[in-house]
Amino acid sequence: MRFHRDGREPTAGERLRHAALVVALGACALGVQCRCGDDVRPAGSGTSAASASAAASSTAPVTEAPSSEPLTIATDTPPAWILVADSTRVSGAASYLPIQVGALADGTPPHLGDSFSVATLSKEEATHAPNRPVGELLAAYEYPRFAAVTESTGKRMLELRDLADGSRLEIPIGDAPTALHVHRDELLVATSAIEWSAARPGTRAQAVKLHTVSLASPGEAPRELCRFVEEGPLRKSIDFFVRSGDWVVAVDDVRAPYSAIYFRAAAGAAEPCRKWKLPELVNGHYTHGLVVRHAGDRDAALLLIAEYGVFTHLGQVLLALSVRDEALDAGDRYVSPEWPDPELTLGEEKGDYDPPGPELDGRSRPLELLGGKAFTRWTGLGLALGAPPRIALAAGVRGLLLVPWGPKPRRAELIDVGGACLDVLSFGKGLLALVDPASQRVAERPGRPQPKPSPTTLVTLSWDAAGRAVVERTTLPGYFNRFVQ
């Protein structure tokens, strides 16, 4: 039985720690006083995580009440342009295609821009972390700005492009970059580096940093926005950014204590960073996120997808965390396969190790599914603002899953989008999806070459007054499997 996503067998110590965790969680379930995880204080907090958790459970719960609908949602203006990518890089470089979608609401079909290729590094290559799925590109986009991490003569570089005027610039970067995000005229760069500890001389610590690069004045040196230091060589890093309006959240997805960095980016100047504590995972990591702001702009829900692998099965879970007055503290809460937290979980799927394999690629025997017949990885996350709002999950050959916002459902609505749903993107009150109509594969299998089907279809989904799905399709000139955000 495999324990790790990369297929390694568990060590004796890992087996012992897992058994101890199961016993501890069992004691908690029986009412025995116990606590799991580290006492981590968010930046600017004077209370411990344990006391904050107790206060949150009595006055400001971490999640929405399971039976309630979310508050009125603040919607973002749909982008005029989007960028899609072929992250398989069969030719050695990633292919990108800008698409003008600003007039879709008026019935005007998308306008395809000029495609281009960049030898973009993947997160696995840039960080040397074995738990990063191959194909996660270090690239970011907001029209007309594009940024990617490349390598030139052994040095990592930031390649910046303006897709409107065709200009291009390379900037050297020192620390290992782990995530990028473009917002207006600023590029956010997350880096991770081992350095000497200031608190404990002679020992090493992991420094997670956020930098900003001015795209209006690209000659200026990157500016450090904030940093957080964890004692010990923990290989911590920010894995992805999510944004809604001027809310920016950078999620640290691997290894306890799990956390996120939050700040407001308005008028080109970012406010001070805050550190949010996320629920701990049992041998898992976060893969996707989405910020859903409520009207009033002080509260929100942070949606997260997490994958995990334990002795008995593989799993993926959809979580909803409430943000009250721009603060989030999950306290000592764990997302455990043995004792799922109904207040955190909106949906969960499980698969057996049969046949053996550490990936959610459809070969495993399904144990629990929200819809469809194959146990495939969720590769995209979006929000459909119908009545009621539903959460959209790209689920490979199963199609598109629409999960109700409320208590953990046994089943979700399954939309047949005409092929394998590779990725999904919120777009106004509807959705955009990348679909492989010719694919008979169960799912992409990271790290293993696969024949490239062609072409991909861009699918636009909206809902009429009667709640019926309206689907429009545009064939793209090639294979593209990711929205670049």
Protein backbone atom coordinates (compact mmCIF):
# COMPACT_ATOMS: atom_id res chain seq x y z
CA MET A 1 0.00 0.00 0.00
CA ARG A 2 1.42 3.37 -0.99
CA PHE A 3 1.28 6.39 1.27
CA HIS A 4 2.78 9.22 -0.80
CA ARG A 5 1.50 10.83 -3.98
CA ASP A 6 4.85 10.13 -5.66
CA GLY A 7 4.49 6.39 -4.96
CA ARG A 8 7.02 6.01 -2.13
CA GLU A 9 6.34 3.49 0.60
CA PRO A 10 5.85 5.00 4.09
CA THR A 11 8.71 4.85 6.52
CA ALA A 12 8.29 3.27 9.95
CA GLY A 13 8.22 6.74 11.49
CA GLU A 14 5.49 7.91 9.14
CA ARG A 15 3.39 4.83 9.91
CA LEU A 16 3.82 5.48 13.63
CA ARG A 17 2.89 9.17 13.33
CA HIS A 18 -0.21 8.33 11.29
CA ALA A 19 -1.30 5.74 13.84
CA ALA A 20 -0.77 8.26 16.65
CA LEU A 21 -2.83 10.86 14.78
CA VAL A 22 -5.69 8.41 14.26
CA VAL A 23 -5.67 7.58 17.98
CA ALA A 24 -5.58 11.28 18.91
CA LEU A 25 -8.43 12.17 16.57
CA GLY A 26 -10.42 9.25 17.96
CA ALA A 27 -9.93 10.58 21.45
CA CYS A 28 -11.15 14.01 20.31
CA ALA A 29 -14.23 12.42 18.76
CA LEU A 30 -14.99 10.70 22.09
CA GLY A 31 -14.86 13.98 23.96
CA VAL A 32 -11.35 13.66 25.44
CA GLN A 33 -9.58 17.00 25.66
CA CYS A 34 -6.79 17.11 23.12
CA ARG A 35 -5.27 19.39 20.51
CA CYS A 36 -3.55 18.70 17.22
CA GLY A 37 -1.14 20.89 15.30
CA ASP A 38 1.01 23.81 16.31
CA ASP A 39 -0.11 26.88 18.22
CA VAL A 40 0.28 29.35 15.35
CA ARG A 41 -0.68 32.98 15.75
CA PRO A 42 -1.81 35.01 12.75
CA ALA A 43 0.15 38.21 12.18
CA GLY A 44 -1.06 40.91 14.54
CA SER A 45 -2.95 38.51 16.82
CA GLY A 46 -2.41 38.49 20.55
CA THR A 47 -4.30 35.27 21.22
CA SER A 48 -3.26 31.70 20.70
CA ALA A 49 -4.71 29.56 17.95
CA ALA A 50 -6.51 27.42 20.53
CA SER A 51 -8.30 30.38 22.14
CA ALA A 52 -9.01 31.93 18.74
CA SER A 53 -10.53 28.63 17.64
CA ALA A 54 -12.76 28.51 20.71
CA ALA A 55 -13.87 32.10 20.17
CA ALA A 56 -14.51 31.46 16.49
CA SER A 57 -16.69 28.44 17.22
CA SER A 58 -18.92 30.45 19.58
CA THR A 59 -19.17 33.83 17.84
CA ALA A 60 -17.72 33.75 14.32
CA PRO A 61 -17.66 30.23 12.86
CA VAL A 62 -14.91 29.29 10.46
CA THR A 63 -17.43 28.30 7.82
CA GLU A 64 -20.89 29.26 6.74
CA ALA A 65 -23.67 27.44 8.55
CA PRO A 66 -24.08 24.29 6.45
CA SER A 67 -27.77 24.87 5.81
CA SER A 68 -27.50 28.53 4.81
CA GLU A 69 -26.90 30.15 1.45
CA PRO A 70 -23.96 32.53 1.22
CA LEU A 71 -24.59 36.24 1.61
CA THR A 72 -25.03 38.44 -1.44
CA ILE A 73 -21.96 37.83 -3.58
CA ALA A 74 -19.88 40.69 -4.96
CA THR A 75 -19.17 39.89 -8.59
CA ASP A 76 -16.04 40.81 -10.50
CA THR A 77 -16.17 42.47 -13.90
CA PRO A 78 -15.53 39.74 -16.51
CA PRO A 79 -12.14 40.09 -18.20
CA ALA A 80 -11.98 41.34 -21.79
CA TRP A 81 -9.23 38.85 -22.60
CA ILE A 82 -8.23 35.45 -21.24
CA LEU A 83 -5.13 33.34 -21.85
CA VAL A 84 -5.09 29.57 -22.32
CA ALA A 85 -2.01 27.33 -22.25
CA ASP A 86 -0.84 23.90 -23.32
CA SER A 87 1.10 22.83 -20.24
CA THR A 88 2.06 19.39 -21.59
CA ARG A 89 5.04 21.00 -23.36
CA VAL A 90 5.54 18.07 -25.72
CA SER A 91 7.55 20.38 -28.00
CA GLY A 92 9.73 21.55 -25.09
CA ALA A 93 7.93 24.87 -24.62
CA ALA A 94 4.51 25.87 -23.37
CA SER A 95 2.11 27.23 -25.99
CA TYR A 96 -0.18 30.16 -25.14
CA LEU A 97 -3.22 31.63 -26.90
CA PRO A 98 -4.89 34.96 -25.94
CA ILE A 99 -8.65 35.06 -26.56
CA GLN A 100 -10.87 38.16 -26.56
CA VAL A 101 -14.08 37.30 -24.70
CA GLY A 102 -15.34 40.74 -23.65
CA ALA A 103 -18.36 40.64 -25.98
CA LEU A 104 -19.57 37.12 -25.19
CA ALA A 105 -22.52 38.47 -23.19
CA ASP A 106 -23.75 40.21 -26.37
CA GLY A 107 -23.60 37.01 -28.37
CA THR A 108 -20.38 37.92 -30.18
CA PRO A 109 -18.12 34.88 -30.63
CA PRO A 110 -14.62 34.95 -29.10
CA HIS A 111 -11.80 36.50 -31.11
CA LEU A 112 -8.59 34.47 -31.16
CA GLY A 113 -5.32 36.35 -30.81
CA ASP A 114 -1.85 35.33 -31.95
CA SER A 115 -0.44 32.27 -30.18
CA PHE A 116 3.14 32.24 -28.86
CA SER A 117 5.50 29.81 -27.11
CA VAL A 118 7.70 30.26 -24.04
CA ALA A 119 10.05 27.72 -22.44
CA THR A 120 8.23 28.13 -19.13
CA LEU A 121 9.50 26.26 -16.07
CA SER A 122 7.05 24.11 -14.16
CA LYS A 123 6.74 24.42 -10.39
CA GLU A 124 8.37 21.02 -10.01
CA GLU A 125 11.40 22.11 -12.02
CA ALA A 126 11.72 25.46 -10.25
CA THR A 127 11.33 24.17 -6.69
CA HIS A 128 12.67 20.60 -7.02
CA ALA A 129 9.68 19.52 -4.93
CA PRO A 130 8.51 15.98 -5.78
CA ASN A 131 4.92 16.62 -4.70
CA ARG A 132 4.25 19.21 -7.44
CA PRO A 133 2.31 17.67 -10.34
CA VAL A 134 4.10 18.07 -13.63
CA GLY A 135 2.36 20.65 -15.82
CA GLU A 136 1.79 23.38 -13.24
CA LEU A 137 3.40 26.27 -15.09
CA LEU A 138 5.02 29.26 -13.43
CA ALA A 139 3.12 31.82 -15.48
CA ALA A 140 0.57 34.58 -14.84
CA TYR A 141 -1.61 36.85 -16.97
CA GLU A 142 -3.91 39.84 -16.85
CA TYR A 143 -4.36 41.58 -20.17
CA PRO A 144 -2.12 42.79 -21.62
CA ARG A 145 0.54 41.69 -19.12
CA PHE A 146 2.10 38.23 -19.24
CA ALA A 147 4.86 36.87 -16.99
CA ALA A 148 6.64 33.52 -16.84
CA VAL A 149 9.66 31.96 -15.16
CA THR A 150 12.28 30.74 -17.62
CA GLU A 151 15.90 29.65 -17.40
CA SER A 152 18.78 31.19 -19.34
CA THR A 153 22.40 29.96 -19.06
CA GLY A 154 21.59 28.27 -15.77
CA LYS A 155 19.92 31.35 -14.24
CA ARG A 156 16.23 31.74 -13.48
CA MET A 157 14.66 34.71 -15.23
CA LEU A 158 11.32 36.50 -15.19
CA GLU A 159 10.14 36.96 -18.76
CA LEU A 160 7.71 39.86 -19.06
CA ARG A 161 5.61 40.53 -22.16
CA ASP A 162 3.09 43.15 -23.17
CA LEU A 163 0.73 41.37 -25.53
CA ALA A 164 -0.69 44.67 -26.79
CA ASP A 165 2.53 46.28 -28.07
CA GLY A 166 4.70 43.14 -28.34
CA SER A 167 7.44 44.37 -25.98
CA ARG A 168 9.47 41.82 -24.04
CA LEU A 169 11.90 42.00 -21.13
CA GLU A 170 13.87 39.53 -18.97
CA ILE A 171 14.68 40.19 -15.30
CA PRO A 172 16.99 37.92 -13.24
CA ILE A 173 15.53 36.58 -9.99
CA GLY A 174 17.53 35.23 -7.07
CA ASP A 175 15.43 33.05 -4.74
CA ALA A 176 13.47 30.11 -6.13
CA PRO A 177 10.13 31.43 -7.45
CA THR A 178 7.12 29.29 -6.56
CA ALA A 179 4.10 31.29 -7.81
CA LEU A 180 3.27 34.38 -9.90
CA HIS A 181 0.27 36.68 -10.17
CA VAL A 182 -0.36 39.76 -12.34
CA HIS A 183 -2.60 42.51 -10.95
CA ARG A 184 -2.92 45.69 -12.97
CA ASP A 185 0.62 47.09 -13.34
CA GLU A 186 2.18 44.90 -10.67
CA LEU A 187 3.59 41.39 -10.78
CA LEU A 188 3.48 39.45 -7.50
CA VAL A 189 6.26 36.89 -7.10
CA ALA A 190 6.35 34.33 -4.27
CA THR A 191 9.78 32.90 -3.46
CA SER A 192 11.17 30.39 -0.99
CA ALA A 193 14.70 30.21 0.37
CA ILE A 194 16.67 28.60 3.19
CA GLU A 195 18.55 31.15 5.29
CA TRP A 196 20.16 31.42 8.69
CA SER A 197 17.73 31.84 11.57
CA ALA A 198 17.80 35.19 13.37
CA ALA A 199 16.02 33.73 16.41
CA ARG A 200 18.24 30.66 16.74
CA PRO A 201 21.84 31.40 15.66
CA GLY A 202 23.56 28.49 13.94
CA THR A 203 20.31 26.93 12.67
CA ARG A 204 18.54 27.29 9.36
CA ALA A 205 15.03 28.59 8.69
CA GLN A 206 12.70 28.70 5.71
CA ALA A 207 11.86 32.20 4.47
CA VAL A 208 8.69 32.56 2.40
CA LYS A 209 8.62 35.98 0.72
CA LEU A 210 6.31 38.02 -1.48
CA HIS A 211 7.84 40.51 -3.92
CA THR A 212 6.28 43.05 -6.24
CA VAL A 213 7.67 43.97 -9.65
CA SER A 214 6.45 47.16 -11.33
CA LEU A 215 5.29 46.39 -14.86
CA ALA A 216 4.84 50.08 -15.57
CA SER A 217 8.53 50.66 -14.70
CA PRO A 218 10.12 47.23 -15.29
CA GLY A 219 13.63 48.60 -14.85
CA GLU A 220 13.02 49.01 -11.11
CA ALA A 221 14.34 46.29 -8.80
CA PRO A 222 11.76 43.91 -7.24
CA ARG A 223 10.48 45.15 -3.88
CA GLU A 224 9.94 42.78 -0.94
CA LEU A 225 6.34 43.12 0.22
CA CYS A 226 6.46 40.79 3.22
CA ARG A 227 8.14 37.65 4.55
CA PHE A 228 7.30 34.89 7.00
CA VAL A 229 9.97 32.65 8.49
CA GLU A 230 9.48 29.07 9.68
CA GLU A 231 12.21 27.51 11.80
CA GLY A 232 13.85 24.47 10.23
CA PRO A 233 14.32 23.42 6.58
CA LEU A 234 10.63 22.66 6.00
CA ARG A 235 10.57 23.34 2.24
CA LYS A 236 7.59 25.65 2.74
CA SER A 237 6.37 27.69 -0.20
CA ILE A 238 3.46 29.64 -1.65
CA ASP A 239 1.96 27.46 -4.36
CA PHE A 240 -0.77 29.61 -5.90
CA PHE A 241 -2.50 32.99 -5.76
CA VAL A 242 -6.24 33.63 -5.85
CA ARG A 243 -7.83 37.05 -6.25
CA SER A 244 -11.25 38.68 -6.28
CA GLY A 245 -11.41 42.45 -6.72
CA ASP A 246 -8.49 43.77 -4.70
CA TRP A 247 -8.46 40.78 -2.33
CA VAL A 248 -5.29 38.74 -2.92
CA VAL A 249 -4.66 35.42 -1.14
CA ALA A 250 -1.42 33.44 -1.49
CA VAL A 251 -1.86 29.82 -0.35
CA ASP A 252 0.90 27.77 1.25
CA ASP A 253 -0.21 24.29 0.26
CA VAL A 254 2.37 21.84 1.61
CA ARG A 255 3.37 20.72 5.12
CA ALA A 256 2.01 21.84 8.47
CA PRO A 257 1.35 24.47 9.59
CA TYR A 258 -0.76 25.27 6.52
CA SER A 259 -1.36 28.97 6.03
CA ALA A 260 -2.23 31.73 3.58
CA ILE A 261 -1.04 35.31 3.17
CA TYR A 262 -3.76 37.91 2.59
CA PHE A 263 -3.59 41.56 1.61
CA ARG A 264 -5.57 44.19 -0.30
CA ALA A 265 -4.03 45.44 -3.55
CA ALA A 266 -5.64 48.75 -4.46
CA ALA A 267 -4.45 51.61 -6.65
CA GLY A 268 -1.09 49.95 -7.14
CA ALA A 269 -0.22 49.97 -3.42
CA ALA A 270 -0.61 46.88 -1.30
CA GLU A 271 -1.71 47.03 2.32
CA PRO A 272 0.25 45.15 5.02
CA CYS A 273 0.09 41.37 4.78
CA ARG A 274 -1.88 39.23 7.20
CA LYS A 275 -1.28 35.55 7.84
CA TRP A 276 -4.30 33.25 7.88
CA LYS A 277 -4.20 29.80 9.46
CA LEU A 278 -5.76 27.11 7.28
CA PRO A 279 -7.06 23.72 8.41
CA GLU A 280 -4.37 21.06 8.74
CA LEU A 281 -4.45 18.13 6.32
CA VAL A 282 -3.57 14.49 6.89
CA ASN A 283 -0.93 13.67 4.25
CA GLY A 284 -2.48 16.11 1.83
CA HIS A 285 -2.03 19.44 0.10
CA TYR A 286 -4.15 22.23 -1.36
CA THR A 287 -4.37 22.41 -5.16
CA HIS A 288 -6.91 25.13 -6.12
CA GLY A 289 -8.60 28.08 -4.48
CA LEU A 290 -11.28 30.71 -5.07
CA VAL A 291 -12.22 33.86 -3.14
CA VAL A 292 -15.96 34.61 -3.03
CA ARG A 293 -16.47 38.12 -1.63
CA HIS A 294 -19.70 39.09 0.08
CA ALA A 295 -21.37 42.46 -0.40
CA GLY A 296 -19.80 44.95 1.99
CA ASP A 297 -16.28 43.86 1.06
CA ARG A 298 -15.19 42.81 4.57
CA ASP A 299 -16.40 39.22 4.58
CA ALA A 300 -15.80 36.40 2.11
CA ALA A 301 -15.61 32.65 1.67
CA LEU A 302 -12.33 30.99 0.72
CA LEU A 303 -13.00 27.84 -1.31
CA LEU A 304 -10.17 25.30 -1.42
CA ILE A 305 -9.61 21.93 -3.06
CA ALA A 306 -7.37 19.52 -1.15
CA GLU A 307 -6.02 16.12 -2.21
CA TYR A 308 -4.83 13.48 0.23
CA GLY A 309 -3.62 9.89 0.33
CA VAL A 310 -3.86 7.60 3.36
CA PHE A 311 -3.38 3.86 3.91
CA THR A 312 -6.94 2.97 2.95
CA HIS A 313 -7.71 5.25 0.03
CA LEU A 314 -7.07 8.37 -2.03
CA GLY A 315 -9.33 11.37 -1.75
CA GLN A 316 -10.14 14.93 -2.75
CA VAL A 317 -12.25 17.35 -0.75
CA LEU A 318 -13.90 20.73 -1.38
CA LEU A 319 -13.75 23.10 1.61
CA ALA A 320 -15.44 26.44 2.37
CA LEU A 321 -13.83 28.69 4.99
CA SER A 322 -15.50 31.87 6.22
CA VAL A 323 -13.53 35.11 6.36
CA ARG A 324 -14.97 37.58 8.89
CA ASP A 325 -13.75 41.17 8.91
CA GLU A 326 -10.84 40.09 6.68
CA ALA A 327 -9.64 37.52 9.24
CA LEU A 328 -9.49 33.72 9.08
CA ASP A 329 -8.18 31.35 11.73
CA ALA A 330 -8.97 27.65 11.49
CA GLY A 331 -7.46 27.06 14.92
CA ASP A 332 -6.70 23.39 15.55
CA ARG A 333 -9.13 22.01 12.99
CA TYR A 334 -8.03 19.07 10.86
CA VAL A 335 -9.41 17.75 7.60
CA SER A 336 -9.27 14.05 8.41
CA PRO A 337 -10.38 11.16 6.18
CA GLU A 338 -11.43 9.23 9.30
CA TRP A 339 -13.50 12.04 10.86
CA PRO A 340 -14.56 14.57 8.20
CA ASP A 341 -15.62 18.00 9.46
CA PRO A 342 -19.16 18.69 8.13
CA GLU A 343 -18.80 22.41 8.83
CA LEU A 344 -15.81 22.65 6.49
CA THR A 345 -16.70 20.16 3.77
CA LEU A 346 -18.93 20.91 0.79
CA GLY A 347 -18.03 17.74 -1.10
CA GLU A 348 -15.65 14.78 -1.02
CA GLU A 349 -14.64 11.91 -3.30
CA LYS A 350 -12.69 8.75 -2.49
CA GLY A 351 -11.01 6.00 -4.47
CA ASP A 352 -9.32 2.72 -3.59
CA TYR A 353 -5.70 1.77 -4.36
CA ASP A 354 -6.84 -0.75 -6.94
CA PRO A 355 -4.89 -1.14 -9.10
CA PRO A 356 -1.95 0.32 -7.11
CA GLY A 357 -1.07 3.87 -8.06
CA PRO A 358 -0.65 7.17 -6.22
CA GLU A 359 -2.49 9.36 -8.74
CA LEU A 360 -6.14 10.29 -9.10
CA ASP A 361 -6.10 9.31 -12.76
CA GLY A 362 -9.25 7.22 -13.05
CA ARG A 363 -7.66 3.81 -12.61
CA SER A 364 -8.58 3.53 -8.94
CA ARG A 365 -11.85 1.85 -7.98
CA PRO A 366 -14.34 4.57 -6.92
CA LEU A 367 -15.49 4.42 -3.31
CA GLU A 368 -17.45 7.68 -3.13
CA LEU A 369 -18.23 10.07 -6.00
CA LEU A 370 -20.24 13.26 -6.37
CA GLY A 371 -21.14 12.28 -9.91
CA GLY A 372 -20.09 10.10 -12.85
CA LYS A 373 -18.40 6.72 -12.78
CA ALA A 374 -14.62 7.31 -12.83
CA PHE A 375 -12.51 8.60 -9.95
CA THR A 376 -10.70 11.50 -11.67
CA ARG A 377 -8.84 14.51 -10.35
CA TRP A 378 -10.55 17.91 -10.01
CA THR A 379 -8.37 20.11 -12.22
CA GLY A 380 -10.29 23.39 -12.07
CA LEU A 381 -12.49 25.42 -9.70
CA GLY A 382 -15.08 28.09 -10.55
CA LEU A 383 -18.35 29.62 -9.37
CA ALA A 384 -21.63 29.64 -11.30
CA LEU A 385 -23.78 32.53 -10.05
CA GLY A 386 -27.16 31.10 -10.82
CA ALA A 387 -30.06 30.71 -8.41
CA PRO A 388 -28.75 29.26 -6.21
CA PRO A 389 -24.95 29.70 -6.66
CA ARG A 390 -23.08 26.48 -7.36
CA ILE A 391 -19.42 25.57 -7.29
CA ALA A 392 -17.98 24.22 -10.54
CA LEU A 393 -15.34 21.47 -10.63
CA ALA A 394 -13.52 20.37 -13.79
CA ALA A 395 -13.60 16.56 -13.51
CA GLY A 396 -11.91 15.18 -16.64
CA VAL A 397 -13.90 12.73 -18.74
CA ARG A 398 -16.77 12.90 -16.27
CA GLY A 399 -17.45 16.46 -17.44
CA LEU A 400 -18.27 19.43 -15.21
CA LEU A 401 -19.54 18.93 -11.65
CA LEU A 402 -21.83 21.60 -10.12
CA VAL A 403 -21.80 21.33 -6.31
CA PRO A 404 -24.62 23.03 -4.32
CA TRP A 405 -23.52 25.59 -1.75
CA GLY A 406 -24.66 24.06 1.50
CA PRO A 407 -24.24 20.89 3.57
CA LYS A 408 -22.05 18.15 2.13
CA PRO A 409 -24.07 16.63 -0.74
CA ARG A 410 -24.03 13.00 -1.74
CA ARG A 411 -24.42 13.92 -5.39
CA ALA A 412 -23.73 16.95 -7.58
CA GLU A 413 -25.19 17.91 -10.94
CA LEU A 414 -23.07 16.56 -13.79
CA ILE A 415 -22.94 18.67 -16.95
CA ASP A 416 -21.94 16.95 -20.19
CA VAL A 417 -19.72 19.56 -21.86
CA GLY A 418 -18.98 17.36 -24.87
CA GLY A 419 -15.74 15.76 -23.74
CA ALA A 420 -13.14 15.78 -20.98
CA CYS A 421 -13.40 18.99 -18.90
CA LEU A 422 -9.79 20.09 -18.39
CA ASP A 423 -10.24 23.43 -16.60
CA VAL A 424 -12.97 25.88 -15.63
CA LEU A 425 -13.00 29.64 -15.05
CA SER A 426 -15.60 31.93 -13.44
CA PHE A 427 -16.88 34.43 -16.01
CA GLY A 428 -19.47 36.95 -14.82
CA LYS A 429 -22.46 34.88 -13.74
CA GLY A 430 -21.46 32.00 -16.00
CA LEU A 431 -18.45 29.81 -16.69
CA LEU A 432 -15.79 29.16 -19.30
CA ALA A 433 -14.43 25.64 -19.69
CA LEU A 434 -11.67 24.01 -21.71
CA VAL A 435 -12.89 20.72 -23.16
CA ASP A 436 -11.09 17.95 -25.03
CA PRO A 437 -13.88 16.54 -27.23
CA ALA A 438 -11.75 13.75 -28.73
CA SER A 439 -10.31 12.49 -25.47
CA GLN A 440 -11.04 8.93 -24.45
CA ARG A 441 -8.39 9.05 -21.77
CA VAL A 442 -9.62 8.69 -18.21
CA ALA A 443 -7.53 11.67 -17.17
CA GLU A 444 -4.16 13.27 -17.65
CA ARG A 445 -1.46 11.28 -15.90
CA PRO A 446 1.18 13.71 -14.59
CA GLY A 447 4.72 12.82 -15.50
CA ARG A 448 3.83 10.37 -18.27
CA PRO A 449 3.88 11.35 -21.97
CA GLN A 450 0.49 11.13 -23.65
CA PRO A 451 -0.67 11.66 -27.21
CA LYS A 452 -2.02 15.17 -27.63
CA PRO A 453 -5.60 15.32 -28.86
CA SER A 454 -6.46 18.28 -31.00
CA PRO A 455 -8.21 20.63 -31.05
CA THR A 456 -9.59 21.81 -27.70
CA THR A 457 -13.01 23.48 -27.44
CA LEU A 458 -13.70 26.64 -25.45
CA VAL A 459 -17.14 26.16 -23.90
CA THR A 460 -19.24 29.06 -22.59
CA LEU A 461 -21.93 28.16 -20.06
CA SER A 462 -24.76 30.39 -18.88
CA TRP A 463 -28.24 29.77 -17.47
CA ASP A 464 -31.56 31.07 -18.74
CA ALA A 465 -34.45 32.31 -16.59
CA ALA A 466 -35.76 28.76 -16.22
CA GLY A 467 -32.40 27.55 -14.92
CA ARG A 468 -31.50 25.62 -18.09
CA ALA A 469 -27.86 25.54 -19.14
CA VAL A 470 -27.02 27.39 -22.35
CA VAL A 471 -23.84 26.06 -23.98
CA GLU A 472 -21.81 27.77 -26.72
CA ARG A 473 -18.70 26.18 -28.25
CA THR A 474 -15.65 27.61 -30.05
CA THR A 475 -12.99 25.35 -31.54
CA LEU A 476 -9.44 26.45 -30.74
CA PRO A 477 -6.48 26.02 -33.12
CA GLY A 478 -4.71 23.34 -31.08
CA TYR A 479 -4.67 21.67 -27.70
CA PHE A 480 -4.92 23.88 -24.60
CA ASN A 481 -5.59 22.50 -21.13
CA ARG A 482 -5.18 25.39 -18.66
CA PHE A 483 -6.49 28.89 -18.05
CA VAL A 484 -3.59 31.15 -17.04
CA GLN A 485 -4.55 33.41 -14.11
